């Protein structure tokens, strides 16, 4: 298993193509930032909320608050690795993270 598959086990060793990332960035432009990361850093509460939203939505827009450019650049790959997602874009104070939403289980028919 390669490093990408270990870092992002849900992707089965595949990474998104440039076209897929571009499509997701287009969708992300219309999203509101639903997760915020401040000077407190990567707390367990932040990680849990990001995981919850990734499982529910698949594409999550994050807003950095009070962090410099270098800090934001360093945090994006770390957040992706720790959340099992992929950073599909980062501009200014925001970043987009993607993780495929697991298929819904069929409702019990009986």
PDB file of N, CA and C in Angstrom:
ATOM      1  N   UNK A   1       0.856  -1.184   0.000  1.00  0.00           N
ATOM      2  CA  UNK A   1       0.000   0.000   0.000  1.00  0.00           C
ATOM      3  C   UNK A   1       0.893   1.236   0.000  1.00  0.00           C
ATOM      4  N   UNK A   2       0.603   2.223  -0.870  1.00  0.00           N
ATOM      5  CA  UNK A   2       1.444   3.408  -0.933  1.00  0.00           C
ATOM      6  C   UNK A   2       1.075   4.408   0.162  1.00  0.00           C
ATOM      7  N   UNK A   3       1.891   5.464   0.298  1.00  0.00           N
ATOM      8  CA  UNK A   3       1.677   6.459   1.356  1.00  0.00           C
ATOM      9  C   UNK A   3       0.341   7.164   1.222  1.00  0.00           C
ATOM     10  N   UNK A   4      -0.096   7.483  -0.015  1.00  0.00           N
ATOM     11  CA  UNK A   4      -1.373   8.152  -0.205  1.00  0.00           C
ATOM     12  C   UNK A   4      -2.526   7.286   0.300  1.00  0.00           C
ATOM     13  N   UNK A   5      -2.465   5.992   0.036  1.00  0.00           N
ATOM     14  CA  UNK A   5      -3.529   5.104   0.485  1.00  0.00           C
ATOM     15  C   UNK A   5      -3.550   5.008   2.005  1.00  0.00           C
ATOM     16  N   UNK A   6      -2.379   5.025   2.629  1.00  0.00           N
ATOM     17  CA  UNK A   6      -2.341   4.996   4.091  1.00  0.00           C
ATOM     18  C   UNK A   6      -2.877   6.294   4.670  1.00  0.00           C
ATOM     19  N   UNK A   7      -2.521   7.411   4.074  1.00  0.00           N
ATOM     20  CA  UNK A   7      -2.968   8.707   4.575  1.00  0.00           C
ATOM     21  C   UNK A   7      -4.454   8.909   4.311  1.00  0.00           C
ATOM     22  N   UNK A   8      -4.966   8.384   3.208  1.00  0.00           N
ATOM     23  CA  UNK A   8      -6.359   8.539   2.820  1.00  0.00           C
ATOM     24  C   UNK A   8      -6.953   7.172   2.504  1.00  0.00           C
ATOM     25  N   UNK A   9      -7.222   6.355   3.520  1.00  0.00           N
ATOM     26  CA  UNK A   9      -7.655   4.982   3.282  1.00  0.00           C
ATOM     27  C   UNK A   9      -8.965   4.885   2.506  1.00  0.00           C
ATOM     28  N   UNK A  10      -9.824   5.875   2.590  1.00  0.00           N
ATOM     29  CA  UNK A  10     -11.096   5.821   1.874  1.00  0.00           C
ATOM     30  C   UNK A  10     -10.911   5.930   0.373  1.00  0.00           C
ATOM     31  N   UNK A  11      -9.743   6.372  -0.070  1.00  0.00           N
ATOM     32  CA  UNK A  11      -9.515   6.586  -1.493  1.00  0.00           C
ATOM     33  C   UNK A  11      -8.918   5.356  -2.174  1.00  0.00           C
ATOM     34  N   UNK A  12      -8.646   4.304  -1.465  1.00  0.00           N
ATOM     35  CA  UNK A  12      -8.103   3.073  -2.027  1.00  0.00           C
ATOM     36  C   UNK A  12      -6.892   3.328  -2.922  1.00  0.00           C
ATOM     37  N   UNK A  13      -6.019   4.250  -2.505  1.00  0.00           N
ATOM     38  CA  UNK A  13      -4.807   4.513  -3.252  1.00  0.00           C
ATOM     39  C   UNK A  13      -4.979   5.474  -4.412  1.00  0.00           C
ATOM     40  N   UNK A  14      -6.197   5.932  -4.689  1.00  0.00           N
ATOM     41  CA  UNK A  14      -6.437   6.848  -5.794  1.00  0.00           C
ATOM     42  C   UNK A  14      -6.475   8.278  -5.259  1.00  0.00           C
ATOM     43  N   UNK A  15      -5.955   9.190  -6.049  1.00  0.00           N
ATOM     44  CA  UNK A  15      -6.109  10.599  -5.730  1.00  0.00           C
ATOM     45  C   UNK A  15      -7.007  11.217  -6.789  1.00  0.00           C
ATOM     46  N   UNK A  16      -7.538  12.360  -6.490  1.00  0.00           N
ATOM     47  CA  UNK A  16      -8.416  13.038  -7.428  1.00  0.00           C
ATOM     48  C   UNK A  16      -7.618  13.586  -8.604  1.00  0.00           C
ATOM     49  N   UNK A  17      -8.232  13.577  -9.761  1.00  0.00           N
ATOM     50  CA  UNK A  17      -7.590  14.169 -10.936  1.00  0.00           C
ATOM     51  C   UNK A  17      -7.724  15.681 -10.867  1.00  0.00           C
ATOM     52  N   UNK A  18      -6.974  16.364 -11.698  1.00  0.00           N
ATOM     53  CA  UNK A  18      -7.073  17.820 -11.756  1.00  0.00           C
ATOM     54  C   UNK A  18      -8.475  18.281 -12.116  1.00  0.00           C
ATOM     55  N   UNK A  19      -9.112  17.571 -13.041  1.00  0.00           N
ATOM     56  CA  UNK A  19     -10.476  17.926 -13.459  1.00  0.00           C
ATOM     57  C   UNK A  19     -11.466  17.731 -12.303  1.00  0.00           C
ATOM     58  N   UNK A  20     -11.297  16.649 -11.547  1.00  0.00           N
ATOM     59  CA  UNK A  20     -12.184  16.410 -10.402  1.00  0.00           C
ATOM     60  C   UNK A  20     -12.008  17.497  -9.345  1.00  0.00           C
ATOM     61  N   UNK A  21     -10.761  17.879  -9.076  1.00  0.00           N
ATOM     62  CA  UNK A  21     -10.501  18.946  -8.109  1.00  0.00           C
ATOM     63  C   UNK A  21     -11.094  20.267  -8.585  1.00  0.00           C
ATOM     64  N   UNK A  22     -10.965  20.563  -9.875  1.00  0.00           N
ATOM     65  CA  UNK A  22     -11.518  21.805 -10.423  1.00  0.00           C
ATOM     66  C   UNK A  22     -13.037  21.831 -10.270  1.00  0.00           C
ATOM     67  N   UNK A  23     -13.686  20.703 -10.533  1.00  0.00           N
ATOM     68  CA  UNK A  23     -15.136  20.618 -10.368  1.00  0.00           C
ATOM     69  C   UNK A  23     -15.545  20.844  -8.922  1.00  0.00           C
ATOM     70  N   UNK A  24     -14.810  20.232  -7.994  1.00  0.00           N
ATOM     71  CA  UNK A  24     -15.109  20.403  -6.572  1.00  0.00           C
ATOM     72  C   UNK A  24     -14.863  21.847  -6.123  1.00  0.00           C
ATOM     73  N   UNK A  25     -13.817  22.477  -6.647  1.00  0.00           N
ATOM     74  CA  UNK A  25     -13.559  23.884  -6.305  1.00  0.00           C
ATOM     75  C   UNK A  25     -14.702  24.769  -6.795  1.00  0.00           C
ATOM     76  N   UNK A  26     -15.242  24.465  -7.965  1.00  0.00           N
ATOM     77  CA  UNK A  26     -16.391  25.217  -8.482  1.00  0.00           C
ATOM     78  C   UNK A  26     -17.587  25.095  -7.567  1.00  0.00           C
ATOM     79  N   UNK A  27     -17.844  23.895  -7.094  1.00  0.00           N
ATOM     80  CA  UNK A  27     -18.938  23.682  -6.148  1.00  0.00           C
ATOM     81  C   UNK A  27     -18.637  24.429  -4.846  1.00  0.00           C
ATOM     82  N   UNK A  28     -17.396  24.367  -4.406  1.00  0.00           N
ATOM     83  CA  UNK A  28     -16.989  24.996  -3.153  1.00  0.00           C
ATOM     84  C   UNK A  28     -17.128  26.503  -3.143  1.00  0.00           C
ATOM     85  N   UNK A  29     -17.076  27.135  -4.305  1.00  0.00           N
ATOM     86  CA  UNK A  29     -17.227  28.587  -4.360  1.00  0.00           C
ATOM     87  C   UNK A  29     -18.582  29.031  -3.848  1.00  0.00           C
ATOM     88  N   UNK A  30     -19.568  28.184  -3.984  1.00  0.00           N
ATOM     89  CA  UNK A  30     -20.927  28.522  -3.550  1.00  0.00           C
ATOM     90  C   UNK A  30     -21.210  28.105  -2.109  1.00  0.00           C
ATOM     91  N   UNK A  31     -20.280  27.411  -1.480  1.00  0.00           N
ATOM     92  CA  UNK A  31     -20.485  26.942  -0.109  1.00  0.00           C
ATOM     93  C   UNK A  31     -20.103  28.001   0.910  1.00  0.00           C
ATOM     94  N   UNK A  32     -20.782  27.990   2.015  1.00  0.00           N
ATOM     95  CA  UNK A  32     -20.385  28.790   3.172  1.00  0.00           C
ATOM     96  C   UNK A  32     -19.373  27.973   3.967  1.00  0.00           C
ATOM     97  N   UNK A  33     -18.448  28.654   4.612  1.00  0.00           N
ATOM     98  CA  UNK A  33     -17.500  27.958   5.488  1.00  0.00           C
ATOM     99  C   UNK A  33     -18.269  27.479   6.720  1.00  0.00           C
ATOM    100  N   UNK A  34     -18.236  26.176   6.957  1.00  0.00           N
ATOM    101  CA  UNK A  34     -19.001  25.609   8.076  1.00  0.00           C
ATOM    102  C   UNK A  34     -18.112  25.160   9.227  1.00  0.00           C
ATOM    103  N   UNK A  35     -16.806  25.189   9.020  1.00  0.00           N
ATOM    104  CA  UNK A  35     -15.856  24.827  10.076  1.00  0.00           C
ATOM    105  C   UNK A  35     -14.835  25.956  10.166  1.00  0.00           C
ATOM    106  N   UNK A  36     -14.476  26.324  11.380  1.00  0.00           N
ATOM    107  CA  UNK A  36     -13.493  27.386  11.585  1.00  0.00           C
ATOM    108  C   UNK A  36     -12.329  26.859  12.415  1.00  0.00           C
ATOM    109  N   UNK A  37     -11.139  27.284  12.024  1.00  0.00           N
ATOM    110  CA  UNK A  37      -9.937  26.892  12.748  1.00  0.00           C
ATOM    111  C   UNK A  37      -9.207  28.159  13.154  1.00  0.00           C
ATOM    112  N   UNK A  38      -9.018  28.333  14.458  1.00  0.00           N
ATOM    113  CA  UNK A  38      -8.356  29.528  14.960  1.00  0.00           C
ATOM    114  C   UNK A  38      -7.011  29.213  15.574  1.00  0.00           C
ATOM    115  N   UNK A  39      -6.570  30.134  16.402  1.00  0.00           N
ATOM    116  CA  UNK A  39      -5.250  30.009  17.021  1.00  0.00           C
ATOM    117  C   UNK A  39      -5.147  28.811  17.952  1.00  0.00           C
ATOM    118  N   UNK A  40      -6.293  28.248  18.357  1.00  0.00           N
ATOM    119  CA  UNK A  40      -6.280  27.059  19.207  1.00  0.00           C
ATOM    120  C   UNK A  40      -5.730  25.838  18.490  1.00  0.00           C
ATOM    121  N   UNK A  41      -5.700  25.895  17.159  1.00  0.00           N
ATOM    122  CA  UNK A  41      -5.117  24.804  16.385  1.00  0.00           C
ATOM    123  C   UNK A  41      -6.032  23.610  16.221  1.00  0.00           C
ATOM    124  N   UNK A  42      -5.419  22.488  15.937  1.00  0.00           N
ATOM    125  CA  UNK A  42      -6.143  21.250  15.668  1.00  0.00           C
ATOM    126  C   UNK A  42      -6.528  20.562  16.973  1.00  0.00           C
ATOM    127  N   UNK A  43      -7.653  20.949  17.511  1.00  0.00           N
ATOM    128  CA  UNK A  43      -8.134  20.370  18.754  1.00  0.00           C
ATOM    129  C   UNK A  43      -8.957  19.120  18.465  1.00  0.00           C
ATOM    130  N   UNK A  44      -9.176  18.277  19.458  1.00  0.00           N
ATOM    131  CA  UNK A  44     -10.056  17.116  19.249  1.00  0.00           C
ATOM    132  C   UNK A  44     -11.470  17.533  18.835  1.00  0.00           C
ATOM    133  N   UNK A  45     -11.962  18.652  19.365  1.00  0.00           N
ATOM    134  CA  UNK A  45     -13.297  19.124  18.991  1.00  0.00           C
ATOM    135  C   UNK A  45     -13.337  19.526  17.517  1.00  0.00           C
ATOM    136  N   UNK A  46     -12.286  20.197  17.043  1.00  0.00           N
ATOM    137  CA  UNK A  46     -12.209  20.565  15.631  1.00  0.00           C
ATOM    138  C   UNK A  46     -12.197  19.314  14.762  1.00  0.00           C
ATOM    139  N   UNK A  47     -11.357  18.352  15.112  1.00  0.00           N
ATOM    140  CA  UNK A  47     -11.240  17.117  14.337  1.00  0.00           C
ATOM    141  C   UNK A  47     -12.564  16.369  14.283  1.00  0.00           C
ATOM    142  N   UNK A  48     -13.262  16.299  15.412  1.00  0.00           N
ATOM    143  CA  UNK A  48     -14.545  15.595  15.460  1.00  0.00           C
ATOM    144  C   UNK A  48     -15.588  16.293  14.590  1.00  0.00           C
ATOM    145  N   UNK A  49     -15.624  17.608  14.637  1.00  0.00           N
ATOM    146  CA  UNK A  49     -16.595  18.348  13.829  1.00  0.00           C
ATOM    147  C   UNK A  49     -16.291  18.210  12.340  1.00  0.00           C
ATOM    148  N   UNK A  50     -15.028  18.289  11.971  1.00  0.00           N
ATOM    149  CA  UNK A  50     -14.658  18.122  10.570  1.00  0.00           C
ATOM    150  C   UNK A  50     -15.046  16.727  10.086  1.00  0.00           C
ATOM    151  N   UNK A  51     -14.761  15.706  10.878  1.00  0.00           N
ATOM    152  CA  UNK A  51     -15.129  14.327  10.504  1.00  0.00           C
ATOM    153  C   UNK A  51     -16.644  14.202  10.330  1.00  0.00           C
ATOM    154  N   UNK A  52     -17.393  14.778  11.247  1.00  0.00           N
ATOM    155  CA  UNK A  52     -18.855  14.696  11.190  1.00  0.00           C
ATOM    156  C   UNK A  52     -19.358  15.323   9.884  1.00  0.00           C
ATOM    157  N   UNK A  53     -18.818  16.493   9.555  1.00  0.00           N
ATOM    158  CA  UNK A  53     -19.277  17.176   8.348  1.00  0.00           C
ATOM    159  C   UNK A  53     -18.812  16.479   7.073  1.00  0.00           C
ATOM    160  N   UNK A  54     -17.602  15.941   7.069  1.00  0.00           N
ATOM    161  CA  UNK A  54     -17.133  15.197   5.894  1.00  0.00           C
ATOM    162  C   UNK A  54     -18.013  13.979   5.640  1.00  0.00           C
ATOM    163  N   UNK A  55     -18.396  13.277   6.695  1.00  0.00           N
ATOM    164  CA  UNK A  55     -19.250  12.097   6.539  1.00  0.00           C
ATOM    165  C   UNK A  55     -20.640  12.480   6.045  1.00  0.00           C
ATOM    166  N   UNK A  56     -21.128  13.652   6.463  1.00  0.00           N
ATOM    167  CA  UNK A  56     -22.471  14.085   6.079  1.00  0.00           C
ATOM    168  C   UNK A  56     -22.507  14.709   4.687  1.00  0.00           C
ATOM    169  N   UNK A  57     -21.473  15.481   4.343  1.00  0.00           N
ATOM    170  CA  UNK A  57     -21.509  16.277   3.116  1.00  0.00           C
ATOM    171  C   UNK A  57     -20.498  15.864   2.060  1.00  0.00           C
ATOM    172  N   UNK A  58     -19.343  15.404   2.491  1.00  0.00           N
ATOM    173  CA  UNK A  58     -18.291  15.050   1.545  1.00  0.00           C
ATOM    174  C   UNK A  58     -17.367  16.198   1.194  1.00  0.00           C
ATOM    175  N   UNK A  59     -17.920  17.398   1.015  1.00  0.00           N
ATOM    176  CA  UNK A  59     -17.127  18.575   0.672  1.00  0.00           C
ATOM    177  C   UNK A  59     -17.364  19.635   1.740  1.00  0.00           C
ATOM    178  N   UNK A  60     -16.296  20.030   2.411  1.00  0.00           N
ATOM    179  CA  UNK A  60     -16.410  20.963   3.534  1.00  0.00           C
ATOM    180  C   UNK A  60     -15.477  22.141   3.306  1.00  0.00           C
ATOM    181  N   UNK A  61     -16.023  23.334   3.514  1.00  0.00           N
ATOM    182  CA  UNK A  61     -15.227  24.555   3.405  1.00  0.00           C
ATOM    183  C   UNK A  61     -14.842  25.000   4.805  1.00  0.00           C
ATOM    184  N   UNK A  62     -13.557  25.223   4.980  1.00  0.00           N
ATOM    185  CA  UNK A  62     -12.993  25.587   6.279  1.00  0.00           C
ATOM    186  C   UNK A  62     -12.490  27.027   6.201  1.00  0.00           C
ATOM    187  N   UNK A  63     -12.704  27.790   7.249  1.00  0.00           N
ATOM    188  CA  UNK A  63     -12.174  29.151   7.326  1.00  0.00           C
ATOM    189  C   UNK A  63     -11.135  29.215   8.430  1.00  0.00           C
ATOM    190  N   UNK A  64      -9.972  29.739   8.079  1.00  0.00           N
ATOM    191  CA  UNK A  64      -8.907  29.956   9.050  1.00  0.00           C
ATOM    192  C   UNK A  64      -9.107  31.336   9.667  1.00  0.00           C
ATOM    193  N   UNK A  65      -8.973  31.428  10.975  1.00  0.00           N
ATOM    194  CA  UNK A  65      -9.136  32.710  11.665  1.00  0.00           C
ATOM    195  C   UNK A  65      -7.857  33.044  12.418  1.00  0.00           C
ATOM    196  N   UNK A  66      -7.275  34.175  12.093  1.00  0.00           N
ATOM    197  CA  UNK A  66      -6.117  34.660  12.834  1.00  0.00           C
ATOM    198  C   UNK A  66      -4.831  33.890  12.584  1.00  0.00           C
ATOM    199  N   UNK A  67      -4.736  33.196  11.472  1.00  0.00           N
ATOM    200  CA  UNK A  67      -3.528  32.437  11.161  1.00  0.00           C
ATOM    201  C   UNK A  67      -2.842  33.052   9.947  1.00  0.00           C
ATOM    202  N   UNK A  68      -1.533  33.071   9.963  1.00  0.00           N
ATOM    203  CA  UNK A  68      -0.764  33.615   8.852  1.00  0.00           C
ATOM    204  C   UNK A  68      -0.703  32.654   7.674  1.00  0.00           C
ATOM    205  N   UNK A  69      -0.235  33.161   6.558  1.00  0.00           N
ATOM    206  CA  UNK A  69      -0.162  32.379   5.318  1.00  0.00           C
ATOM    207  C   UNK A  69       0.658  31.102   5.497  1.00  0.00           C
ATOM    208  N   UNK A  70       1.810  31.220   6.145  1.00  0.00           N
ATOM    209  CA  UNK A  70       2.666  30.040   6.336  1.00  0.00           C
ATOM    210  C   UNK A  70       1.988  29.003   7.215  1.00  0.00           C
ATOM    211  N   UNK A  71       1.305  29.464   8.257  1.00  0.00           N
ATOM    212  CA  UNK A  71       0.589  28.531   9.137  1.00  0.00           C
ATOM    213  C   UNK A  71      -0.513  27.808   8.368  1.00  0.00           C
ATOM    214  N   UNK A  72      -1.274  28.559   7.577  1.00  0.00           N
ATOM    215  CA  UNK A  72      -2.357  27.949   6.784  1.00  0.00           C
ATOM    216  C   UNK A  72      -1.798  26.924   5.805  1.00  0.00           C
ATOM    217  N   UNK A  73      -0.695  27.275   5.140  1.00  0.00           N
ATOM    218  CA  UNK A  73      -0.081  26.353   4.172  1.00  0.00           C
ATOM    219  C   UNK A  73       0.383  25.067   4.838  1.00  0.00           C
ATOM    220  N   UNK A  74       0.919  25.177   6.038  1.00  0.00           N
ATOM    221  CA  UNK A  74       1.405  23.998   6.753  1.00  0.00           C
ATOM    222  C   UNK A  74       0.252  23.145   7.282  1.00  0.00           C
ATOM    223  N   UNK A  75      -0.867  23.786   7.631  1.00  0.00           N
ATOM    224  CA  UNK A  75      -1.978  23.049   8.229  1.00  0.00           C
ATOM    225  C   UNK A  75      -2.799  22.258   7.220  1.00  0.00           C
ATOM    226  N   UNK A  76      -2.928  22.729   5.997  1.00  0.00           N
ATOM    227  CA  UNK A  76      -3.793  22.039   5.022  1.00  0.00           C
ATOM    228  C   UNK A  76      -3.424  20.572   4.823  1.00  0.00           C
ATOM    229  N   UNK A  77      -2.154  20.237   4.540  1.00  0.00           N
ATOM    230  CA  UNK A  77      -1.840  18.813   4.371  1.00  0.00           C
ATOM    231  C   UNK A  77      -2.000  18.012   5.661  1.00  0.00           C
ATOM    232  N   UNK A  78      -1.728  18.650   6.770  1.00  0.00           N
ATOM    233  CA  UNK A  78      -1.873  17.960   8.058  1.00  0.00           C
ATOM    234  C   UNK A  78      -3.343  17.662   8.355  1.00  0.00           C
ATOM    235  N   UNK A  79      -4.214  18.635   8.097  1.00  0.00           N
ATOM    236  CA  UNK A  79      -5.655  18.425   8.295  1.00  0.00           C
ATOM    237  C   UNK A  79      -6.139  17.306   7.382  1.00  0.00           C
ATOM    238  N   UNK A  80      -5.701  17.325   6.125  1.00  0.00           N
ATOM    239  CA  UNK A  80      -6.114  16.281   5.179  1.00  0.00           C
ATOM    240  C   UNK A  80      -5.679  14.906   5.653  1.00  0.00           C
ATOM    241  N   UNK A  81      -4.438  14.805   6.092  1.00  0.00           N
ATOM    242  CA  UNK A  81      -3.931  13.509   6.544  1.00  0.00           C
ATOM    243  C   UNK A  81      -4.683  13.026   7.783  1.00  0.00           C
ATOM    244  N   UNK A  82      -4.860  13.909   8.752  1.00  0.00           N
ATOM    245  CA  UNK A  82      -5.509  13.502  10.006  1.00  0.00           C
ATOM    246  C   UNK A  82      -6.995  13.209   9.832  1.00  0.00           C
ATOM    247  N   UNK A  83      -7.637  13.829   8.842  1.00  0.00           N
ATOM    248  CA  UNK A  83      -9.070  13.612   8.646  1.00  0.00           C
ATOM    249  C   UNK A  83      -9.356  12.546   7.590  1.00  0.00           C
ATOM    250  N   UNK A  84      -8.303  12.069   6.896  1.00  0.00           N
ATOM    251  CA  UNK A  84      -8.521  11.087   5.841  1.00  0.00           C
ATOM    252  C   UNK A  84      -9.210  11.699   4.636  1.00  0.00           C
ATOM    253  N   UNK A  85      -9.011  13.003   4.442  1.00  0.00           N
ATOM    254  CA  UNK A  85      -9.628  13.702   3.321  1.00  0.00           C
ATOM    255  C   UNK A  85      -8.541  14.210   2.388  1.00  0.00           C
ATOM    256  N   UNK A  86      -8.957  14.940   1.365  1.00  0.00           N
ATOM    257  CA  UNK A  86      -8.004  15.541   0.446  1.00  0.00           C
ATOM    258  C   UNK A  86      -8.315  17.031   0.344  1.00  0.00           C
ATOM    259  N   UNK A  87      -7.295  17.850   0.466  1.00  0.00           N
ATOM    260  CA  UNK A  87      -7.460  19.286   0.281  1.00  0.00           C
ATOM    261  C   UNK A  87      -7.518  19.534  -1.226  1.00  0.00           C
ATOM    262  N   UNK A  88      -8.667  20.029  -1.700  1.00  0.00           N
ATOM    263  CA  UNK A  88      -8.829  20.246  -3.142  1.00  0.00           C
ATOM    264  C   UNK A  88      -8.559  21.685  -3.536  1.00  0.00           C
ATOM    265  N   UNK A  89      -8.362  22.552  -2.558  1.00  0.00           N
ATOM    266  CA  UNK A  89      -8.036  23.939  -2.873  1.00  0.00           C
ATOM    267  C   UNK A  89      -7.963  24.783  -1.623  1.00  0.00           C
ATOM    268  N   UNK A  90      -7.096  25.784  -1.668  1.00  0.00           N
ATOM    269  CA  UNK A  90      -6.969  26.725  -0.564  1.00  0.00           C
ATOM    270  C   UNK A  90      -6.701  28.102  -1.155  1.00  0.00           C
ATOM    271  N   UNK A  91      -7.542  29.060  -0.799  1.00  0.00           N
ATOM    272  CA  UNK A  91      -7.392  30.428  -1.279  1.00  0.00           C
ATOM    273  C   UNK A  91      -7.634  31.368  -0.105  1.00  0.00           C
ATOM    274  N   UNK A  92      -6.660  32.222   0.158  1.00  0.00           N
ATOM    275  CA  UNK A  92      -6.816  33.192   1.239  1.00  0.00           C
ATOM    276  C   UNK A  92      -7.059  32.516   2.573  1.00  0.00           C
ATOM    277  N   UNK A  93      -8.155  32.862   3.199  1.00  0.00           N
ATOM    278  CA  UNK A  93      -8.491  32.356   4.529  1.00  0.00           C
ATOM    279  C   UNK A  93      -9.346  31.088   4.501  1.00  0.00           C
ATOM    280  N   UNK A  94      -9.583  30.510   3.322  1.00  0.00           N
ATOM    281  CA  UNK A  94     -10.443  29.329   3.240  1.00  0.00           C
ATOM    282  C   UNK A  94      -9.727  28.161   2.559  1.00  0.00           C
ATOM    283  N   UNK A  95     -10.202  26.970   2.858  1.00  0.00           N
ATOM    284  CA  UNK A  95      -9.698  25.749   2.224  1.00  0.00           C
ATOM    285  C   UNK A  95     -10.859  24.774   2.079  1.00  0.00           C
ATOM    286  N   UNK A  96     -10.802  23.956   1.032  1.00  0.00           N
ATOM    287  CA  UNK A  96     -11.827  22.947   0.770  1.00  0.00           C
ATOM    288  C   UNK A  96     -11.249  21.563   0.991  1.00  0.00           C
ATOM    289  N   UNK A  97     -11.997  20.741   1.717  1.00  0.00           N
ATOM    290  CA  UNK A  97     -11.587  19.363   1.968  1.00  0.00           C
ATOM    291  C   UNK A  97     -12.674  18.429   1.465  1.00  0.00           C
ATOM    292  N   UNK A  98     -12.236  17.345   0.809  1.00  0.00           N
ATOM    293  CA  UNK A  98     -13.170  16.392   0.214  1.00  0.00           C
ATOM    294  C   UNK A  98     -12.890  14.986   0.720  1.00  0.00           C
ATOM    295  N   UNK A  99     -13.965  14.290   1.008  1.00  0.00           N
ATOM    296  CA  UNK A  99     -13.910  12.871   1.334  1.00  0.00           C
ATOM    297  C   UNK A  99     -15.191  12.257   0.790  1.00  0.00           C
ATOM    298  N   UNK A 100     -15.114  11.180   0.027  1.00  0.00           N
ATOM    299  CA  UNK A 100     -16.342  10.588  -0.516  1.00  0.00           C
ATOM    300  C   UNK A 100     -17.311  10.228   0.600  1.00  0.00           C
ATOM    301  N   UNK A 101     -18.566  10.553   0.380  1.00  0.00           N
ATOM    302  CA  UNK A 101     -19.605  10.215   1.355  1.00  0.00           C
ATOM    303  C   UNK A 101     -19.905   8.740   1.209  1.00  0.00           C
ATOM    304  N   UNK A 102     -19.887   7.996   2.334  1.00  0.00           N
ATOM    305  CA  UNK A 102     -20.194   6.569   2.224  1.00  0.00           C
ATOM    306  C   UNK A 102     -21.623   6.372   1.742  1.00  0.00           C
ATOM    307  N   UNK A 103     -21.872   5.338   0.953  1.00  0.00           N
ATOM    308  CA  UNK A 103     -23.245   5.115   0.466  1.00  0.00           C
ATOM    309  C   UNK A 103     -24.192   4.869   1.625  1.00  0.00           C
ATOM    310  N   UNK A 104     -25.405   5.361   1.474  1.00  0.00           N
ATOM    311  CA  UNK A 104     -26.428   5.171   2.510  1.00  0.00           C
ATOM    312  C   UNK A 104     -26.828   3.693   2.554  1.00  0.00           C
ATOM    313  N   UNK A 105     -27.078   3.230   3.748  1.00  0.00           N
ATOM    314  CA  UNK A 105     -27.542   1.850   3.898  1.00  0.00           C
ATOM    315  C   UNK A 105     -29.011   1.790   3.506  1.00  0.00           C
ATOM    316  N   UNK A 106     -29.424   0.725   2.813  1.00  0.00           N
ATOM    317  CA  UNK A 106     -30.829   0.633   2.422  1.00  0.00           C
ATOM    318  C   UNK A 106     -31.725   0.513   3.654  1.00  0.00           C
ATOM    319  N   UNK A 107     -32.871   1.146   3.577  1.00  0.00           N
ATOM    320  CA  UNK A 107     -33.831   1.062   4.686  1.00  0.00           C
ATOM    321  C   UNK A 107     -34.367  -0.362   4.778  1.00  0.00           C
ATOM    322  N   UNK A 108     -34.642  -0.793   6.002  1.00  0.00           N
ATOM    323  CA  UNK A 108     -35.197  -2.126   6.213  1.00  0.00           C
ATOM    324  C   UNK A 108     -36.578  -2.216   5.573  1.00  0.00           C
ATOM    325  N   UNK A 109     -36.762  -3.159   4.718  1.00  0.00           N
ATOM    326  CA  UNK A 109     -38.028  -3.297   4.012  1.00  0.00           C
ATOM    327  C   UNK A 109     -39.049  -4.102   4.799  1.00  0.00           C
ATOM    328  N   UNK A 110     -38.688  -4.542   5.952  1.00  0.00           N
ATOM    329  CA  UNK A 110     -39.636  -5.416   6.614  1.00  0.00           C
ATOM    330  C   UNK A 110     -39.739  -5.112   8.011  1.00  0.00           C
TER     331      UNK A 110
END
